[in-house]
Amino acid sequence: MVPCSFTEANVVLDRPPDMTADQCDPLSVLRTSTEQGMPVVVSCWKLTQEELAEIVRNGGRIWLTVYGQTMPPVSLSGQRPF
């Protein structure tokens, strides 16, 4: 997947200091809050044609990996959240 910039983005996150440019790209994000006041960070990603084909071969499933020891609340969507 390729991180995408988008009009609503208001921050660019740089890679962690212990990762190289080959391991991690800068990421444009929108830092905002939900209507209920919960802070959220939104990013946008574009699948390659190969990834789209793999998702179809894999029964439409997408795997999410979060680095660390726990799973924070996350959301994946094909719909633009704005």
PDB file of N, CA and C in Angstrom:
ATOM      1  N   MET A   1       0.837  -1.181   0.000  1.00  0.00           N
ATOM      2  CA  MET A   1       0.000   0.000   0.000  1.00  0.00           C
ATOM      3  C   MET A   1       0.877   1.237   0.000  1.00  0.00           C
ATOM      4  N   VAL A   2       0.328   2.260  -0.573  1.00  0.00           N
ATOM      5  CA  VAL A   2       1.057   3.513  -0.683  1.00  0.00           C
ATOM      6  C   VAL A   2       0.306   4.579   0.106  1.00  0.00           C
ATOM      7  N   PRO A   3       0.990   5.256   1.053  1.00  0.00           N
ATOM      8  CA  PRO A   3       0.318   6.336   1.761  1.00  0.00           C
ATOM      9  C   PRO A   3       0.051   7.494   0.807  1.00  0.00           C
ATOM     10  N   CYS A   4      -1.136   8.090   0.936  1.00  0.00           N
ATOM     11  CA  CYS A   4      -1.553   9.174   0.043  1.00  0.00           C
ATOM     12  C   CYS A   4      -1.750  10.453   0.833  1.00  0.00           C
ATOM     13  N   SER A   5      -1.375  11.565   0.221  1.00  0.00           N
ATOM     14  CA  SER A   5      -1.746  12.846   0.808  1.00  0.00           C
ATOM     15  C   SER A   5      -3.190  13.128   0.411  1.00  0.00           C
ATOM     16  N   PHE A   6      -3.864  13.992   1.163  1.00  0.00           N
ATOM     17  CA  PHE A   6      -5.252  14.333   0.864  1.00  0.00           C
ATOM     18  C   PHE A   6      -5.516  15.743   1.363  1.00  0.00           C
ATOM     19  N   THR A   7      -6.509  16.386   0.768  1.00  0.00           N
ATOM     20  CA  THR A   7      -6.787  17.799   1.011  1.00  0.00           C
ATOM     21  C   THR A   7      -6.961  18.125   2.485  1.00  0.00           C
ATOM     22  N   GLU A   8      -7.641  17.267   3.223  1.00  0.00           N
ATOM     23  CA  GLU A   8      -7.961  17.556   4.629  1.00  0.00           C
ATOM     24  C   GLU A   8      -6.787  17.336   5.582  1.00  0.00           C
ATOM     25  N   ALA A   9      -5.694  16.741   5.135  1.00  0.00           N
ATOM     26  CA  ALA A   9      -4.539  16.464   6.006  1.00  0.00           C
ATOM     27  C   ALA A   9      -3.998  17.766   6.595  1.00  0.00           C
ATOM     28  N   ASN A  10      -3.651  17.718   7.878  1.00  0.00           N
ATOM     29  CA  ASN A  10      -3.111  18.904   8.530  1.00  0.00           C
ATOM     30  C   ASN A  10      -1.783  18.646   9.241  1.00  0.00           C
ATOM     31  N   VAL A  11      -1.259  17.421   9.111  1.00  0.00           N
ATOM     32  CA  VAL A  11       0.010  17.040   9.747  1.00  0.00           C
ATOM     33  C   VAL A  11       0.687  16.001   8.852  1.00  0.00           C
ATOM     34  N   VAL A  12       2.012  16.016   8.818  1.00  0.00           N
ATOM     35  CA  VAL A  12       2.764  14.936   8.178  1.00  0.00           C
ATOM     36  C   VAL A  12       3.599  14.270   9.268  1.00  0.00           C
ATOM     37  N   LEU A  13       3.365  12.976   9.459  1.00  0.00           N
ATOM     38  CA  LEU A  13       4.121  12.212  10.452  1.00  0.00           C
ATOM     39  C   LEU A  13       5.376  11.660   9.794  1.00  0.00           C
ATOM     40  N   ASP A  14       6.517  11.886  10.404  1.00  0.00           N
ATOM     41  CA  ASP A  14       7.772  11.357   9.895  1.00  0.00           C
ATOM     42  C   ASP A  14       7.978   9.956  10.446  1.00  0.00           C
ATOM     43  N   ARG A  15       8.914   9.238   9.885  1.00  0.00           N
ATOM     44  CA  ARG A  15       9.191   7.874  10.354  1.00  0.00           C
ATOM     45  C   ARG A  15       9.832   7.912  11.738  1.00  0.00           C
ATOM     46  N   PRO A  16       9.672   6.836  12.512  1.00  0.00           N
ATOM     47  CA  PRO A  16      10.347   6.769  13.812  1.00  0.00           C
ATOM     48  C   PRO A  16      11.867   6.820  13.618  1.00  0.00           C
ATOM     49  N   PRO A  17      12.600   7.323  14.601  1.00  0.00           N
ATOM     50  CA  PRO A  17      14.046   7.487  14.438  1.00  0.00           C
ATOM     51  C   PRO A  17      14.799   6.169  14.248  1.00  0.00           C
ATOM     52  N   ASP A  18      14.197   5.063  14.672  1.00  0.00           N
ATOM     53  CA  ASP A  18      14.886   3.779  14.537  1.00  0.00           C
ATOM     54  C   ASP A  18      14.538   3.044  13.241  1.00  0.00           C
ATOM     55  N   MET A  19      13.832   3.701  12.320  1.00  0.00           N
ATOM     56  CA  MET A  19      13.496   3.098  11.031  1.00  0.00           C
ATOM     57  C   MET A  19      14.138   3.892   9.901  1.00  0.00           C
ATOM     58  N   THR A  20      14.458   3.195   8.809  1.00  0.00           N
ATOM     59  CA  THR A  20      15.056   3.840   7.647  1.00  0.00           C
ATOM     60  C   THR A  20      13.962   4.305   6.685  1.00  0.00           C
ATOM     61  N   ALA A  21      14.344   5.123   5.705  1.00  0.00           N
ATOM     62  CA  ALA A  21      13.400   5.587   4.689  1.00  0.00           C
ATOM     63  C   ALA A  21      12.838   4.421   3.881  1.00  0.00           C
ATOM     64  N   ASP A  22      13.609   3.351   3.731  1.00  0.00           N
ATOM     65  CA  ASP A  22      13.119   2.158   3.023  1.00  0.00           C
ATOM     66  C   ASP A  22      12.066   1.406   3.831  1.00  0.00           C
ATOM     67  N   GLN A  23      12.078   1.556   5.138  1.00  0.00           N
ATOM     68  CA  GLN A  23      11.140   0.843   6.012  1.00  0.00           C
ATOM     69  C   GLN A  23       9.856   1.616   6.265  1.00  0.00           C
ATOM     70  N   CYS A  24       9.885   2.943   6.149  1.00  0.00           N
ATOM     71  CA  CYS A  24       8.736   3.740   6.553  1.00  0.00           C
ATOM     72  C   CYS A  24       8.726   5.068   5.804  1.00  0.00           C
ATOM     73  N   ASP A  25       7.596   5.364   5.152  1.00  0.00           N
ATOM     74  CA  ASP A  25       7.425   6.635   4.445  1.00  0.00           C
ATOM     75  C   ASP A  25       6.758   7.658   5.355  1.00  0.00           C
ATOM     76  N   PRO A  26       6.961   8.955   5.092  1.00  0.00           N
ATOM     77  CA  PRO A  26       6.176   9.974   5.795  1.00  0.00           C
ATOM     78  C   PRO A  26       4.692   9.743   5.521  1.00  0.00           C
ATOM     79  N   LEU A  27       3.844  10.127   6.469  1.00  0.00           N
ATOM     80  CA  LEU A  27       2.412   9.863   6.364  1.00  0.00           C
ATOM     81  C   LEU A  27       1.614  11.136   6.619  1.00  0.00           C
ATOM     82  N   SER A  28       0.872  11.566   5.595  1.00  0.00           N
ATOM     83  CA  SER A  28      -0.040  12.702   5.762  1.00  0.00           C
ATOM     84  C   SER A  28      -1.266  12.239   6.522  1.00  0.00           C
ATOM     85  N   VAL A  29      -1.656  13.005   7.546  1.00  0.00           N
ATOM     86  CA  VAL A  29      -2.821  12.626   8.356  1.00  0.00           C
ATOM     87  C   VAL A  29      -3.644  13.864   8.691  1.00  0.00           C
ATOM     88  N   LEU A  30      -4.879  13.617   9.061  1.00  0.00           N
ATOM     89  CA  LEU A  30      -5.738  14.643   9.636  1.00  0.00           C
ATOM     90  C   LEU A  30      -5.875  14.327  11.110  1.00  0.00           C
ATOM     91  N   ARG A  31      -5.440  15.241  11.963  1.00  0.00           N
ATOM     92  CA  ARG A  31      -5.682  15.123  13.400  1.00  0.00           C
ATOM     93  C   ARG A  31      -6.904  15.970  13.706  1.00  0.00           C
ATOM     94  N   THR A  32      -7.922  15.332  14.270  1.00  0.00           N
ATOM     95  CA  THR A  32      -9.171  16.027  14.552  1.00  0.00           C
ATOM     96  C   THR A  32      -9.869  15.300  15.690  1.00  0.00           C
ATOM     97  N   SER A  33     -11.128  15.613  15.909  1.00  0.00           N
ATOM     98  CA  SER A  33     -11.940  14.953  16.938  1.00  0.00           C
ATOM     99  C   SER A  33     -13.284  14.582  16.349  1.00  0.00           C
ATOM    100  N   THR A  34     -13.885  13.525  16.886  1.00  0.00           N
ATOM    101  CA  THR A  34     -15.235  13.149  16.492  1.00  0.00           C
ATOM    102  C   THR A  34     -16.217  14.153  17.075  1.00  0.00           C
ATOM    103  N   GLU A  35     -17.462  14.050  16.678  1.00  0.00           N
ATOM    104  CA  GLU A  35     -18.502  14.933  17.232  1.00  0.00           C
ATOM    105  C   GLU A  35     -18.639  14.748  18.742  1.00  0.00           C
ATOM    106  N   GLN A  36     -18.246  13.575  19.246  1.00  0.00           N
ATOM    107  CA  GLN A  36     -18.311  13.306  20.682  1.00  0.00           C
ATOM    108  C   GLN A  36     -17.040  13.750  21.406  1.00  0.00           C
ATOM    109  N   GLY A  37     -16.083  14.337  20.668  1.00  0.00           N
ATOM    110  CA  GLY A  37     -14.871  14.839  21.301  1.00  0.00           C
ATOM    111  C   GLY A  37     -13.728  13.849  21.380  1.00  0.00           C
ATOM    112  N   MET A  38     -13.879  12.659  20.802  1.00  0.00           N
ATOM    113  CA  MET A  38     -12.802  11.670  20.833  1.00  0.00           C
ATOM    114  C   MET A  38     -11.750  12.032  19.783  1.00  0.00           C
ATOM    115  N   PRO A  39     -10.478  12.133  20.190  1.00  0.00           N
ATOM    116  CA  PRO A  39      -9.445  12.453  19.210  1.00  0.00           C
ATOM    117  C   PRO A  39      -9.279  11.310  18.210  1.00  0.00           C
ATOM    118  N   VAL A  40      -9.083  11.670  16.936  1.00  0.00           N
ATOM    119  CA  VAL A  40      -8.855  10.681  15.885  1.00  0.00           C
ATOM    120  C   VAL A  40      -7.747  11.170  14.959  1.00  0.00           C
ATOM    121  N   VAL A  41      -7.085  10.218  14.335  1.00  0.00           N
ATOM    122  CA  VAL A  41      -6.093  10.486  13.306  1.00  0.00           C
ATOM    123  C   VAL A  41      -6.522   9.704  12.074  1.00  0.00           C
ATOM    124  N   VAL A  42      -6.698  10.402  10.945  1.00  0.00           N
ATOM    125  CA  VAL A  42      -7.157   9.773   9.708  1.00  0.00           C
ATOM    126  C   VAL A  42      -6.009   9.796   8.708  1.00  0.00           C
ATOM    127  N   SER A  43      -5.759   8.647   8.077  1.00  0.00           N
ATOM    128  CA  SER A  43      -4.780   8.568   6.998  1.00  0.00           C
ATOM    129  C   SER A  43      -5.446   7.935   5.784  1.00  0.00           C
ATOM    130  N   CYS A  44      -4.814   8.081   4.632  1.00  0.00           N
ATOM    131  CA  CYS A  44      -5.365   7.562   3.386  1.00  0.00           C
ATOM    132  C   CYS A  44      -4.317   6.689   2.705  1.00  0.00           C
ATOM    133  N   TRP A  45      -4.743   5.536   2.192  1.00  0.00           N
ATOM    134  CA  TRP A  45      -3.834   4.572   1.568  1.00  0.00           C
ATOM    135  C   TRP A  45      -4.394   4.115   0.236  1.00  0.00           C
ATOM    136  N   LYS A  46      -3.516   3.876  -0.706  1.00  0.00           N
ATOM    137  CA  LYS A  46      -3.938   3.367  -2.014  1.00  0.00           C
ATOM    138  C   LYS A  46      -3.341   1.984  -2.224  1.00  0.00           C
ATOM    139  N   LEU A  47      -4.222   1.035  -2.571  1.00  0.00           N
ATOM    140  CA  LEU A  47      -3.777  -0.317  -2.858  1.00  0.00           C
ATOM    141  C   LEU A  47      -3.194  -0.396  -4.261  1.00  0.00           C
ATOM    142  N   THR A  48      -2.153  -1.195  -4.429  1.00  0.00           N
ATOM    143  CA  THR A  48      -1.635  -1.469  -5.762  1.00  0.00           C
ATOM    144  C   THR A  48      -2.570  -2.473  -6.445  1.00  0.00           C
ATOM    145  N   GLN A  49      -2.446  -2.603  -7.743  1.00  0.00           N
ATOM    146  CA  GLN A  49      -3.256  -3.585  -8.468  1.00  0.00           C
ATOM    147  C   GLN A  49      -2.982  -4.997  -7.957  1.00  0.00           C
ATOM    148  N   GLU A  50      -1.722  -5.285  -7.620  1.00  0.00           N
ATOM    149  CA  GLU A  50      -1.368  -6.597  -7.080  1.00  0.00           C
ATOM    150  C   GLU A  50      -2.051  -6.832  -5.730  1.00  0.00           C
ATOM    151  N   GLU A  51      -2.090  -5.813  -4.895  1.00  0.00           N
ATOM    152  CA  GLU A  51      -2.752  -5.943  -3.592  1.00  0.00           C
ATOM    153  C   GLU A  51      -4.254  -6.131  -3.755  1.00  0.00           C
ATOM    154  N   LEU A  52      -4.869  -5.391  -4.681  1.00  0.00           N
ATOM    155  CA  LEU A  52      -6.292  -5.573  -4.934  1.00  0.00           C
ATOM    156  C   LEU A  52      -6.586  -7.003  -5.365  1.00  0.00           C
ATOM    157  N   ALA A  53      -5.755  -7.535  -6.260  1.00  0.00           N
ATOM    158  CA  ALA A  53      -5.942  -8.917  -6.723  1.00  0.00           C
ATOM    159  C   ALA A  53      -5.772  -9.899  -5.573  1.00  0.00           C
ATOM    160  N   GLU A  54      -4.810  -9.666  -4.700  1.00  0.00           N
ATOM    161  CA  GLU A  54      -4.586 -10.556  -3.552  1.00  0.00           C
ATOM    162  C   GLU A  54      -5.774 -10.523  -2.597  1.00  0.00           C
ATOM    163  N   ILE A  55      -6.342  -9.348  -2.377  1.00  0.00           N
ATOM    164  CA  ILE A  55      -7.521  -9.236  -1.509  1.00  0.00           C
ATOM    165  C   ILE A  55      -8.676 -10.044  -2.086  1.00  0.00           C
ATOM    166  N   VAL A  56      -8.861  -9.950  -3.390  1.00  0.00           N
ATOM    167  CA  VAL A  56      -9.924 -10.735  -4.030  1.00  0.00           C
ATOM    168  C   VAL A  56      -9.640 -12.226  -3.875  1.00  0.00           C
ATOM    169  N   ARG A  57      -8.388 -12.652  -4.115  1.00  0.00           N
ATOM    170  CA  ARG A  57      -8.017 -14.073  -3.959  1.00  0.00           C
ATOM    171  C   ARG A  57      -8.185 -14.542  -2.517  1.00  0.00           C
ATOM    172  N   ASN A  58      -8.044 -13.624  -1.575  1.00  0.00           N
ATOM    173  CA  ASN A  58      -8.106 -13.957  -0.148  1.00  0.00           C
ATOM    174  C   ASN A  58      -9.522 -13.811   0.402  1.00  0.00           C
ATOM    175  N   GLY A  59     -10.503 -13.844  -0.464  1.00  0.00           N
ATOM    176  CA  GLY A  59     -11.888 -13.781  -0.004  1.00  0.00           C
ATOM    177  C   GLY A  59     -12.314 -12.410   0.484  1.00  0.00           C
ATOM    178  N   GLY A  60     -11.657 -11.342   0.030  1.00  0.00           N
ATOM    179  CA  GLY A  60     -12.029  -9.992   0.426  1.00  0.00           C
ATOM    180  C   GLY A  60     -11.495  -9.573   1.786  1.00  0.00           C
ATOM    181  N   ARG A  61     -10.651 -10.378   2.380  1.00  0.00           N
ATOM    182  CA  ARG A  61     -10.120 -10.066   3.713  1.00  0.00           C
ATOM    183  C   ARG A  61      -8.910  -9.149   3.644  1.00  0.00           C
ATOM    184  N   ILE A  62      -8.805  -8.270   4.639  1.00  0.00           N
ATOM    185  CA  ILE A  62      -7.662  -7.376   4.806  1.00  0.00           C
ATOM    186  C   ILE A  62      -7.100  -7.604   6.207  1.00  0.00           C
ATOM    187  N   TRP A  63      -5.795  -7.686   6.308  1.00  0.00           N
ATOM    188  CA  TRP A  63      -5.133  -7.911   7.591  1.00  0.00           C
ATOM    189  C   TRP A  63      -4.533  -6.617   8.097  1.00  0.00           C
ATOM    190  N   LEU A  64      -4.782  -6.300   9.363  1.00  0.00           N
ATOM    191  CA  LEU A  64      -4.247  -5.105  10.006  1.00  0.00           C
ATOM    192  C   LEU A  64      -3.216  -5.531  11.037  1.00  0.00           C
ATOM    193  N   THR A  65      -2.014  -4.985  10.931  1.00  0.00           N
ATOM    194  CA  THR A  65      -0.965  -5.243  11.922  1.00  0.00           C
ATOM    195  C   THR A  65      -0.674  -3.947  12.650  1.00  0.00           C
ATOM    196  N   VAL A  66      -0.758  -3.960  13.970  1.00  0.00           N
ATOM    197  CA  VAL A  66      -0.428  -2.805  14.795  1.00  0.00           C
ATOM    198  C   VAL A  66       0.799  -3.181  15.614  1.00  0.00           C
ATOM    199  N   TYR A  67       1.851  -2.402  15.490  1.00  0.00           N
ATOM    200  CA  TYR A  67       3.071  -2.699  16.229  1.00  0.00           C
ATOM    201  C   TYR A  67       2.920  -2.266  17.681  1.00  0.00           C
ATOM    202  N   GLY A  68       3.347  -3.120  18.587  1.00  0.00           N
ATOM    203  CA  GLY A  68       3.230  -2.853  20.011  1.00  0.00           C
ATOM    204  C   GLY A  68       2.614  -4.046  20.707  1.00  0.00           C
ATOM    205  N   GLN A  69       2.120  -3.832  21.911  1.00  0.00           N
ATOM    206  CA  GLN A  69       1.640  -4.916  22.746  1.00  0.00           C
ATOM    207  C   GLN A  69       0.129  -4.967  22.891  1.00  0.00           C
ATOM    208  N   THR A  70      -0.601  -4.067  22.268  1.00  0.00           N
ATOM    209  CA  THR A  70      -2.050  -4.060  22.410  1.00  0.00           C
ATOM    210  C   THR A  70      -2.687  -3.578  21.114  1.00  0.00           C
ATOM    211  N   MET A  71      -3.986  -3.639  21.043  1.00  0.00           N
ATOM    212  CA  MET A  71      -4.717  -3.205  19.860  1.00  0.00           C
ATOM    213  C   MET A  71      -5.555  -1.982  20.209  1.00  0.00           C
ATOM    214  N   PRO A  72      -5.138  -0.802  19.753  1.00  0.00           N
ATOM    215  CA  PRO A  72      -5.957   0.381  20.005  1.00  0.00           C
ATOM    216  C   PRO A  72      -7.207   0.324  19.129  1.00  0.00           C
ATOM    217  N   PRO A  73      -8.228   1.088  19.447  1.00  0.00           N
ATOM    218  CA  PRO A  73      -9.397   1.128  18.570  1.00  0.00           C
ATOM    219  C   PRO A  73      -8.985   1.666  17.193  1.00  0.00           C
ATOM    220  N   VAL A  74      -9.336   0.928  16.149  1.00  0.00           N
ATOM    221  CA  VAL A  74      -9.016   1.345  14.787  1.00  0.00           C
ATOM    222  C   VAL A  74     -10.251   1.179  13.905  1.00  0.00           C
ATOM    223  N   SER A  75     -10.214   1.801  12.734  1.00  0.00           N
ATOM    224  CA  SER A  75     -11.296   1.667  11.768  1.00  0.00           C
ATOM    225  C   SER A  75     -10.699   1.603  10.376  1.00  0.00           C
ATOM    226  N   LEU A  76     -11.133   0.626   9.572  1.00  0.00           N
ATOM    227  CA  LEU A  76     -10.759   0.549   8.157  1.00  0.00           C
ATOM    228  C   LEU A  76     -12.033   0.756   7.351  1.00  0.00           C
ATOM    229  N   SER A  77     -11.943   1.540   6.277  1.00  0.00           N
ATOM    230  CA  SER A  77     -13.138   1.797   5.487  1.00  0.00           C
ATOM    231  C   SER A  77     -12.767   2.076   4.047  1.00  0.00           C
ATOM    232  N   GLY A  78     -13.643   1.727   3.144  1.00  0.00           N
ATOM    233  CA  GLY A  78     -13.487   2.099   1.756  1.00  0.00           C
ATOM    234  C   GLY A  78     -14.196   3.390   1.432  1.00  0.00           C
ATOM    235  N   GLN A  79     -14.873   3.959   2.421  1.00  0.00           N
ATOM    236  CA  GLN A  79     -15.632   5.200   2.218  1.00  0.00           C
ATOM    237  C   GLN A  79     -14.846   6.394   2.744  1.00  0.00           C
ATOM    238  N   ARG A  80     -14.891   7.478   1.994  1.00  0.00           N
ATOM    239  CA  ARG A  80     -14.247   8.720   2.415  1.00  0.00           C
ATOM    240  C   ARG A  80     -14.932   9.204   3.696  1.00  0.00           C
ATOM    241  N   PRO A  81     -14.170   9.462   4.771  1.00  0.00           N
ATOM    242  CA  PRO A  81     -14.780   9.788   6.071  1.00  0.00           C
ATOM    243  C   PRO A  81     -15.149  11.252   6.246  1.00  0.00           C
ATOM    244  N   PHE A  82     -15.153  12.049   5.199  1.00  0.00           N
ATOM    245  CA  PHE A  82     -15.420  13.481   5.339  1.00  0.00           C
ATOM    246  C   PHE A  82     -16.777  13.829   4.775  1.00  0.00           C
TER     247      PHE A  82
END
